Amino acid sequence: MSNKLYVGNVSYQSDEDSLRELFSQYGTVTSVRIITDRETRRSKGFAFVEMESPEEASAVLSALDGAELDGRQLKVREAVEKESPSRF
């Protein structure tokens, strides 16, 4: 398992600090990034959280998938790297 997690169904009221606080209960959080719209700067409702080790990421996934934060039930999954288009 990778250290990076996808977090879906994030409330628009949630911020990176609240996610960091929640996830840090299960290990060391190395980064939190809520994805925002380029023009409006409003949250798109998902984030990426990186834990220090794969073991911590696994513990977070088991503990927080379905957990509630700011009135929304989080969906926590292992992040999948987006493939870049091949150039010819």
PDB file of N, CA and C in Angstrom:
ATOM      1  N   MET A   1       0.844  -1.183   0.000  1.00  0.00           N
ATOM      2  CA  MET A   1       0.000   0.000   0.000  1.00  0.00           C
ATOM      3  C   MET A   1       0.886   1.241   0.000  1.00  0.00           C
ATOM      4  N   SER A   2       0.410   2.265  -0.666  1.00  0.00           N
ATOM      5  CA  SER A   2       1.146   3.528  -0.719  1.00  0.00           C
ATOM      6  C   SER A   2       0.834   4.364   0.521  1.00  0.00           C
ATOM      7  N   ASN A   3       1.560   5.439   0.705  1.00  0.00           N
ATOM      8  CA  ASN A   3       1.345   6.337   1.848  1.00  0.00           C
ATOM      9  C   ASN A   3       0.258   7.366   1.560  1.00  0.00           C
ATOM     10  N   LYS A   4      -0.116   7.516   0.285  1.00  0.00           N
ATOM     11  CA  LYS A   4      -1.035   8.585  -0.118  1.00  0.00           C
ATOM     12  C   LYS A   4      -2.461   8.058  -0.200  1.00  0.00           C
ATOM     13  N   LEU A   5      -3.395   8.821   0.406  1.00  0.00           N
ATOM     14  CA  LEU A   5      -4.795   8.430   0.451  1.00  0.00           C
ATOM     15  C   LEU A   5      -5.680   9.480  -0.220  1.00  0.00           C
ATOM     16  N   TYR A   6      -6.701   8.987  -0.896  1.00  0.00           N
ATOM     17  CA  TYR A   6      -7.744   9.836  -1.466  1.00  0.00           C
ATOM     18  C   TYR A   6      -8.853   9.916  -0.425  1.00  0.00           C
ATOM     19  N   VAL A   7      -9.352  11.116  -0.173  1.00  0.00           N
ATOM     20  CA  VAL A   7     -10.444  11.313   0.784  1.00  0.00           C
ATOM     21  C   VAL A   7     -11.585  12.001   0.046  1.00  0.00           C
ATOM     22  N   GLY A   8     -12.674  11.278  -0.139  1.00  0.00           N
ATOM     23  CA  GLY A   8     -13.820  11.818  -0.852  1.00  0.00           C
ATOM     24  C   GLY A   8     -14.940  12.213   0.093  1.00  0.00           C
ATOM     25  N   ASN A   9     -15.920  12.934  -0.444  1.00  0.00           N
ATOM     26  CA  ASN A   9     -17.098  13.402   0.283  1.00  0.00           C
ATOM     27  C   ASN A   9     -16.719  14.355   1.421  1.00  0.00           C
ATOM     28  N   VAL A  10     -15.692  15.161   1.187  1.00  0.00           N
ATOM     29  CA  VAL A  10     -15.237  16.134   2.182  1.00  0.00           C
ATOM     30  C   VAL A  10     -16.190  17.334   2.158  1.00  0.00           C
ATOM     31  N   SER A  11     -16.645  17.736   3.328  1.00  0.00           N
ATOM     32  CA  SER A  11     -17.552  18.879   3.449  1.00  0.00           C
ATOM     33  C   SER A  11     -16.869  20.152   2.938  1.00  0.00           C
ATOM     34  N   TYR A  12     -17.648  21.042   2.367  1.00  0.00           N
ATOM     35  CA  TYR A  12     -17.102  22.320   1.892  1.00  0.00           C
ATOM     36  C   TYR A  12     -16.641  23.187   3.069  1.00  0.00           C
ATOM     37  N   GLN A  13     -17.124  22.882   4.276  1.00  0.00           N
ATOM     38  CA  GLN A  13     -16.712  23.622   5.466  1.00  0.00           C
ATOM     39  C   GLN A  13     -15.413  23.089   6.065  1.00  0.00           C
ATOM     40  N   SER A  14     -15.016  21.881   5.691  1.00  0.00           N
ATOM     41  CA  SER A  14     -13.783  21.294   6.233  1.00  0.00           C
ATOM     42  C   SER A  14     -12.572  22.024   5.668  1.00  0.00           C
ATOM     43  N   ASP A  15     -11.531  22.108   6.478  1.00  0.00           N
ATOM     44  CA  ASP A  15     -10.283  22.690   5.989  1.00  0.00           C
ATOM     45  C   ASP A  15      -9.144  21.701   6.220  1.00  0.00           C
ATOM     46  N   GLU A  16      -7.974  22.046   5.722  1.00  0.00           N
ATOM     47  CA  GLU A  16      -6.828  21.138   5.820  1.00  0.00           C
ATOM     48  C   GLU A  16      -6.448  20.857   7.268  1.00  0.00           C
ATOM     49  N   ASP A  17      -6.611  21.842   8.144  1.00  0.00           N
ATOM     50  CA  ASP A  17      -6.287  21.635   9.555  1.00  0.00           C
ATOM     51  C   ASP A  17      -7.196  20.598  10.205  1.00  0.00           C
ATOM     52  N   SER A  18      -8.492  20.628   9.886  1.00  0.00           N
ATOM     53  CA  SER A  18      -9.411  19.650  10.489  1.00  0.00           C
ATOM     54  C   SER A  18      -9.111  18.238   9.987  1.00  0.00           C
ATOM     55  N   LEU A  19      -8.749  18.114   8.708  1.00  0.00           N
ATOM     56  CA  LEU A  19      -8.362  16.797   8.188  1.00  0.00           C
ATOM     57  C   LEU A  19      -7.070  16.324   8.840  1.00  0.00           C
ATOM     58  N   ARG A  20      -6.092  17.209   8.964  1.00  0.00           N
ATOM     59  CA  ARG A  20      -4.820  16.857   9.590  1.00  0.00           C
ATOM     60  C   ARG A  20      -5.039  16.380  11.030  1.00  0.00           C
ATOM     61  N   GLU A  21      -5.885  17.089  11.752  1.00  0.00           N
ATOM     62  CA  GLU A  21      -6.168  16.725  13.148  1.00  0.00           C
ATOM     63  C   GLU A  21      -6.804  15.338  13.239  1.00  0.00           C
ATOM     64  N   LEU A  22      -7.778  15.066  12.380  1.00  0.00           N
ATOM     65  CA  LEU A  22      -8.451  13.775  12.387  1.00  0.00           C
ATOM     66  C   LEU A  22      -7.493  12.641  12.020  1.00  0.00           C
ATOM     67  N   PHE A  23      -6.738  12.815  10.952  1.00  0.00           N
ATOM     68  CA  PHE A  23      -5.858  11.748  10.462  1.00  0.00           C
ATOM     69  C   PHE A  23      -4.648  11.537  11.374  1.00  0.00           C
ATOM     70  N   SER A  24      -4.207  12.580  12.065  1.00  0.00           N
ATOM     71  CA  SER A  24      -3.025  12.449  12.918  1.00  0.00           C
ATOM     72  C   SER A  24      -3.286  11.578  14.148  1.00  0.00           C
ATOM     73  N   GLN A  25      -4.530  11.251  14.422  1.00  0.00           N
ATOM     74  CA  GLN A  25      -4.848  10.316  15.502  1.00  0.00           C
ATOM     75  C   GLN A  25      -4.327   8.910  15.193  1.00  0.00           C
ATOM     76  N   TYR A  26      -4.010   8.642  13.928  1.00  0.00           N
ATOM     77  CA  TYR A  26      -3.593   7.309  13.495  1.00  0.00           C
ATOM     78  C   TYR A  26      -2.161   7.260  12.992  1.00  0.00           C
ATOM     79  N   GLY A  27      -1.416   8.342  13.137  1.00  0.00           N
ATOM     80  CA  GLY A  27      -0.022   8.370  12.708  1.00  0.00           C
ATOM     81  C   GLY A  27       0.400   9.771  12.302  1.00  0.00           C
ATOM     82  N   THR A  28       1.579   9.850  11.723  1.00  0.00           N
ATOM     83  CA  THR A  28       2.142  11.132  11.327  1.00  0.00           C
ATOM     84  C   THR A  28       1.663  11.508   9.930  1.00  0.00           C
ATOM     85  N   VAL A  29       1.031  12.655   9.832  1.00  0.00           N
ATOM     86  CA  VAL A  29       0.542  13.172   8.547  1.00  0.00           C
ATOM     87  C   VAL A  29       1.655  14.029   7.947  1.00  0.00           C
ATOM     88  N   THR A  30       2.088  13.688   6.725  1.00  0.00           N
ATOM     89  CA  THR A  30       3.153  14.468   6.091  1.00  0.00           C
ATOM     90  C   THR A  30       2.599  15.566   5.188  1.00  0.00           C
ATOM     91  N   SER A  31       1.377  15.381   4.655  1.00  0.00           N
ATOM     92  CA  SER A  31       0.769  16.454   3.853  1.00  0.00           C
ATOM     93  C   SER A  31      -0.737  16.262   3.744  1.00  0.00           C
ATOM     94  N   VAL A  32      -1.433  17.383   3.601  1.00  0.00           N
ATOM     95  CA  VAL A  32      -2.882  17.401   3.387  1.00  0.00           C
ATOM     96  C   VAL A  32      -3.139  18.426   2.297  1.00  0.00           C
ATOM     97  N   ARG A  33      -3.941  18.052   1.315  1.00  0.00           N
ATOM     98  CA  ARG A  33      -4.256  18.994   0.240  1.00  0.00           C
ATOM     99  C   ARG A  33      -5.705  18.826  -0.185  1.00  0.00           C
ATOM    100  N   ILE A  34      -6.511  19.838   0.115  1.00  0.00           N
ATOM    101  CA  ILE A  34      -7.893  19.851  -0.368  1.00  0.00           C
ATOM    102  C   ILE A  34      -7.863  20.427  -1.777  1.00  0.00           C
ATOM    103  N   ILE A  35      -8.483  19.726  -2.704  1.00  0.00           N
ATOM    104  CA  ILE A  35      -8.476  20.148  -4.101  1.00  0.00           C
ATOM    105  C   ILE A  35      -9.561  21.217  -4.297  1.00  0.00           C
ATOM    106  N   THR A  36      -9.159  22.325  -4.919  1.00  0.00           N
ATOM    107  CA  THR A  36     -10.077  23.445  -5.123  1.00  0.00           C
ATOM    108  C   THR A  36     -10.213  23.780  -6.608  1.00  0.00           C
ATOM    109  N   ASP A  37     -11.311  24.421  -6.929  1.00  0.00           N
ATOM    110  CA  ASP A  37     -11.558  24.911  -8.274  1.00  0.00           C
ATOM    111  C   ASP A  37     -10.600  26.068  -8.553  1.00  0.00           C
ATOM    112  N   ARG A  38     -10.011  26.087  -9.720  1.00  0.00           N
ATOM    113  CA  ARG A  38      -9.026  27.138 -10.058  1.00  0.00           C
ATOM    114  C   ARG A  38      -9.630  28.541 -10.045  1.00  0.00           C
ATOM    115  N   GLU A  39     -10.839  28.664 -10.553  1.00  0.00           N
ATOM    116  CA  GLU A  39     -11.440  29.995 -10.680  1.00  0.00           C
ATOM    117  C   GLU A  39     -12.095  30.479  -9.393  1.00  0.00           C
ATOM    118  N   THR A  40     -12.872  29.611  -8.750  1.00  0.00           N
ATOM    119  CA  THR A  40     -13.638  30.046  -7.571  1.00  0.00           C
ATOM    120  C   THR A  40     -12.885  29.818  -6.265  1.00  0.00           C
ATOM    121  N   ARG A  41     -11.854  28.996  -6.292  1.00  0.00           N
ATOM    122  CA  ARG A  41     -11.094  28.626  -5.089  1.00  0.00           C
ATOM    123  C   ARG A  41     -11.942  27.839  -4.088  1.00  0.00           C
ATOM    124  N   ARG A  42     -13.119  27.383  -4.515  1.00  0.00           N
ATOM    125  CA  ARG A  42     -13.992  26.596  -3.650  1.00  0.00           C
ATOM    126  C   ARG A  42     -13.583  25.123  -3.710  1.00  0.00           C
ATOM    127  N   SER A  43     -13.711  24.441  -2.577  1.00  0.00           N
ATOM    128  CA  SER A  43     -13.370  23.025  -2.494  1.00  0.00           C
ATOM    129  C   SER A  43     -14.181  22.221  -3.503  1.00  0.00           C
ATOM    130  N   LYS A  44     -13.539  21.213  -4.093  1.00  0.00           N
ATOM    131  CA  LYS A  44     -14.249  20.312  -4.996  1.00  0.00           C
ATOM    132  C   LYS A  44     -14.818  19.109  -4.240  1.00  0.00           C
ATOM    133  N   GLY A  45     -14.596  19.060  -2.919  1.00  0.00           N
ATOM    134  CA  GLY A  45     -15.182  17.991  -2.117  1.00  0.00           C
ATOM    135  C   GLY A  45     -14.308  16.764  -1.956  1.00  0.00           C
ATOM    136  N   PHE A  46     -13.034  16.890  -2.317  1.00  0.00           N
ATOM    137  CA  PHE A  46     -12.126  15.769  -2.069  1.00  0.00           C
ATOM    138  C   PHE A  46     -10.736  16.287  -1.752  1.00  0.00           C
ATOM    139  N   ALA A  47      -9.928  15.397  -1.186  1.00  0.00           N
ATOM    140  CA  ALA A  47      -8.594  15.791  -0.736  1.00  0.00           C
ATOM    141  C   ALA A  47      -7.638  14.607  -0.858  1.00  0.00           C
ATOM    142  N   PHE A  48      -6.361  14.908  -0.689  1.00  0.00           N
ATOM    143  CA  PHE A  48      -5.329  13.878  -0.613  1.00  0.00           C
ATOM    144  C   PHE A  48      -4.574  14.077   0.685  1.00  0.00           C
ATOM    145  N   VAL A  49      -4.380  12.974   1.408  1.00  0.00           N
ATOM    146  CA  VAL A  49      -3.648  12.999   2.668  1.00  0.00           C
ATOM    147  C   VAL A  49      -2.520  11.997   2.544  1.00  0.00           C
ATOM    148  N   GLU A  50      -1.324  12.433   2.903  1.00  0.00           N
ATOM    149  CA  GLU A  50      -0.173  11.536   2.852  1.00  0.00           C
ATOM    150  C   GLU A  50       0.302  11.252   4.272  1.00  0.00           C
ATOM    151  N   MET A  51       0.427   9.969   4.571  1.00  0.00           N
ATOM    152  CA  MET A  51       0.894   9.530   5.876  1.00  0.00           C
ATOM    153  C   MET A  51       2.378   9.189   5.775  1.00  0.00           C
ATOM    154  N   GLU A  52       3.047   9.087   6.923  1.00  0.00           N
ATOM    155  CA  GLU A  52       4.485   8.830   6.933  1.00  0.00           C
ATOM    156  C   GLU A  52       4.847   7.423   6.453  1.00  0.00           C
ATOM    157  N   SER A  53       3.993   6.436   6.743  1.00  0.00           N
ATOM    158  CA  SER A  53       4.327   5.059   6.340  1.00  0.00           C
ATOM    159  C   SER A  53       3.094   4.357   5.770  1.00  0.00           C
ATOM    160  N   PRO A  54       3.321   3.307   4.994  1.00  0.00           N
ATOM    161  CA  PRO A  54       2.201   2.529   4.463  1.00  0.00           C
ATOM    162  C   PRO A  54       1.361   1.898   5.576  1.00  0.00           C
ATOM    163  N   GLU A  55       1.991   1.533   6.676  1.00  0.00           N
ATOM    164  CA  GLU A  55       1.259   0.936   7.800  1.00  0.00           C
ATOM    165  C   GLU A  55       0.280   1.941   8.407  1.00  0.00           C
ATOM    166  N   GLU A  56       0.732   3.193   8.542  1.00  0.00           N
ATOM    167  CA  GLU A  56      -0.147   4.236   9.060  1.00  0.00           C
ATOM    168  C   GLU A  56      -1.290   4.513   8.087  1.00  0.00           C
ATOM    169  N   ALA A  57      -0.989   4.518   6.808  1.00  0.00           N
ATOM    170  CA  ALA A  57      -2.022   4.740   5.791  1.00  0.00           C
ATOM    171  C   ALA A  57      -3.068   3.629   5.855  1.00  0.00           C
ATOM    172  N   SER A  58      -2.624   2.412   6.046  1.00  0.00           N
ATOM    173  CA  SER A  58      -3.538   1.272   6.155  1.00  0.00           C
ATOM    174  C   SER A  58      -4.419   1.393   7.397  1.00  0.00           C
ATOM    175  N   ALA A  59      -3.829   1.823   8.510  1.00  0.00           N
ATOM    176  CA  ALA A  59      -4.593   2.007   9.749  1.00  0.00           C
ATOM    177  C   ALA A  59      -5.651   3.090   9.573  1.00  0.00           C
ATOM    178  N   VAL A  60      -5.294   4.182   8.905  1.00  0.00           N
ATOM    179  CA  VAL A  60      -6.233   5.275   8.652  1.00  0.00           C
ATOM    180  C   VAL A  60      -7.375   4.792   7.769  1.00  0.00           C
ATOM    181  N   LEU A  61      -7.041   4.061   6.722  1.00  0.00           N
ATOM    182  CA  LEU A  61      -8.055   3.566   5.797  1.00  0.00           C
ATOM    183  C   LEU A  61      -9.076   2.722   6.547  1.00  0.00           C
ATOM    184  N   SER A  62      -8.624   1.799   7.389  1.00  0.00           N
ATOM    185  CA  SER A  62      -9.563   0.949   8.139  1.00  0.00           C
ATOM    186  C   SER A  62     -10.389   1.756   9.137  1.00  0.00           C
ATOM    187  N   ALA A  63      -9.763   2.719   9.790  1.00  0.00           N
ATOM    188  CA  ALA A  63     -10.431   3.455  10.864  1.00  0.00           C
ATOM    189  C   ALA A  63     -11.356   4.567  10.366  1.00  0.00           C
ATOM    190  N   LEU A  64     -10.984   5.244   9.285  1.00  0.00           N
ATOM    191  CA  LEU A  64     -11.710   6.454   8.905  1.00  0.00           C
ATOM    192  C   LEU A  64     -12.615   6.324   7.685  1.00  0.00           C
ATOM    193  N   ASP A  65     -12.551   5.217   6.948  1.00  0.00           N
ATOM    194  CA  ASP A  65     -13.477   5.060   5.832  1.00  0.00           C
ATOM    195  C   ASP A  65     -14.888   4.954   6.415  1.00  0.00           C
ATOM    196  N   GLY A  66     -15.729   5.920   6.111  1.00  0.00           N
ATOM    197  CA  GLY A  66     -17.084   5.958   6.646  1.00  0.00           C
ATOM    198  C   GLY A  66     -17.233   6.838   7.880  1.00  0.00           C
ATOM    199  N   ALA A  67     -16.108   7.353   8.399  1.00  0.00           N
ATOM    200  CA  ALA A  67     -16.163   8.234   9.570  1.00  0.00           C
ATOM    201  C   ALA A  67     -16.786   9.569   9.175  1.00  0.00           C
ATOM    202  N   GLU A  68     -17.380  10.249  10.157  1.00  0.00           N
ATOM    203  CA  GLU A  68     -18.026  11.524   9.885  1.00  0.00           C
ATOM    204  C   GLU A  68     -17.126  12.694  10.264  1.00  0.00           C
ATOM    205  N   LEU A  69     -17.084  13.688   9.382  1.00  0.00           N
ATOM    206  CA  LEU A  69     -16.369  14.934   9.644  1.00  0.00           C
ATOM    207  C   LEU A  69     -17.214  16.075   9.103  1.00  0.00           C
ATOM    208  N   ASP A  70     -17.547  17.017   9.955  1.00  0.00           N
ATOM    209  CA  ASP A  70     -18.359  18.183   9.572  1.00  0.00           C
ATOM    210  C   ASP A  70     -19.657  17.782   8.867  1.00  0.00           C
ATOM    211  N   GLY A  71     -20.291  16.726   9.385  1.00  0.00           N
ATOM    212  CA  GLY A  71     -21.594  16.316   8.867  1.00  0.00           C
ATOM    213  C   GLY A  71     -21.575  15.466   7.617  1.00  0.00           C
ATOM    214  N   ARG A  72     -20.410  15.076   7.141  1.00  0.00           N
ATOM    215  CA  ARG A  72     -20.299  14.249   5.928  1.00  0.00           C
ATOM    216  C   ARG A  72     -19.565  12.963   6.247  1.00  0.00           C
ATOM    217  N   GLN A  73     -19.955  11.870   5.613  1.00  0.00           N
ATOM    218  CA  GLN A  73     -19.310  10.582   5.798  1.00  0.00           C
ATOM    219  C   GLN A  73     -18.160  10.465   4.796  1.00  0.00           C
ATOM    220  N   LEU A  74     -16.935  10.412   5.314  1.00  0.00           N
ATOM    221  CA  LEU A  74     -15.752  10.378   4.451  1.00  0.00           C
ATOM    222  C   LEU A  74     -15.612   9.047   3.736  1.00  0.00           C
ATOM    223  N   LYS A  75     -15.091   9.116   2.521  1.00  0.00           N
ATOM    224  CA  LYS A  75     -14.728   7.921   1.762  1.00  0.00           C
ATOM    225  C   LYS A  75     -13.212   7.947   1.624  1.00  0.00           C
ATOM    226  N   VAL A  76     -12.544   7.007   2.274  1.00  0.00           N
ATOM    227  CA  VAL A  76     -11.079   6.978   2.260  1.00  0.00           C
ATOM    228  C   VAL A  76     -10.635   5.775   1.438  1.00  0.00           C
ATOM    229  N   ARG A  77      -9.788   6.037   0.462  1.00  0.00           N
ATOM    230  CA  ARG A  77      -9.269   4.994  -0.434  1.00  0.00           C
ATOM    231  C   ARG A  77      -7.779   5.229  -0.653  1.00  0.00           C
ATOM    232  N   GLU A  78      -7.102   4.206  -1.126  1.00  0.00           N
ATOM    233  CA  GLU A  78      -5.702   4.384  -1.524  1.00  0.00           C
ATOM    234  C   GLU A  78      -5.704   5.239  -2.788  1.00  0.00           C
ATOM    235  N   ALA A  79      -4.855   6.248  -2.815  1.00  0.00           N
ATOM    236  CA  ALA A  79      -4.779   7.128  -3.989  1.00  0.00           C
ATOM    237  C   ALA A  79      -4.171   6.376  -5.161  1.00  0.00           C
ATOM    238  N   VAL A  80      -4.713   6.628  -6.333  1.00  0.00           N
ATOM    239  CA  VAL A  80      -4.205   6.015  -7.557  1.00  0.00           C
ATOM    240  C   VAL A  80      -3.541   7.115  -8.365  1.00  0.00           C
ATOM    241  N   GLU A  81      -2.310   6.900  -8.744  1.00  0.00           N
ATOM    242  CA  GLU A  81      -1.593   7.904  -9.535  1.00  0.00           C
ATOM    243  C   GLU A  81      -2.237   8.025 -10.908  1.00  0.00           C
ATOM    244  N   LYS A  82      -2.494   9.246 -11.305  1.00  0.00           N
ATOM    245  CA  LYS A  82      -3.075   9.521 -12.607  1.00  0.00           C
ATOM    246  C   LYS A  82      -2.012   9.318 -13.672  1.00  0.00           C
ATOM    247  N   GLU A  83      -2.353   8.554 -14.682  1.00  0.00           N
ATOM    248  CA  GLU A  83      -1.404   8.329 -15.770  1.00  0.00           C
ATOM    249  C   GLU A  83      -1.341   9.553 -16.656  1.00  0.00           C
ATOM    250  N   SER A  84      -0.135   9.967 -16.975  1.00  0.00           N
ATOM    251  CA  SER A  84       0.007  11.102 -17.875  1.00  0.00           C
ATOM    252  C   SER A  84      -0.112  10.605 -19.316  1.00  0.00           C
ATOM    253  N   PRO A  85      -0.712  11.406 -20.181  1.00  0.00           N
ATOM    254  CA  PRO A  85      -0.851  10.986 -21.562  1.00  0.00           C
ATOM    255  C   PRO A  85       0.505  10.830 -22.234  1.00  0.00           C
ATOM    256  N   SER A  86       0.625   9.808 -23.034  1.00  0.00           N
ATOM    257  CA  SER A  86       1.918   9.604 -23.702  1.00  0.00           C
ATOM    258  C   SER A  86       2.020  10.583 -24.865  1.00  0.00           C
ATOM    259  N   ARG A  87       3.215  11.054 -25.068  1.00  0.00           N
ATOM    260  CA  ARG A  87       3.457  12.006 -26.160  1.00  0.00           C
ATOM    261  C   ARG A  87       4.298  11.331 -27.238  1.00  0.00           C
ATOM    262  N   PHE A  88       3.903  11.564 -28.453  1.00  0.00           N
ATOM    263  CA  PHE A  88       4.638  10.975 -29.573  1.00  0.00           C
ATOM    264  C   PHE A  88       5.400  12.018 -30.315  1.00  0.00           C
TER     265      PHE A  88
END
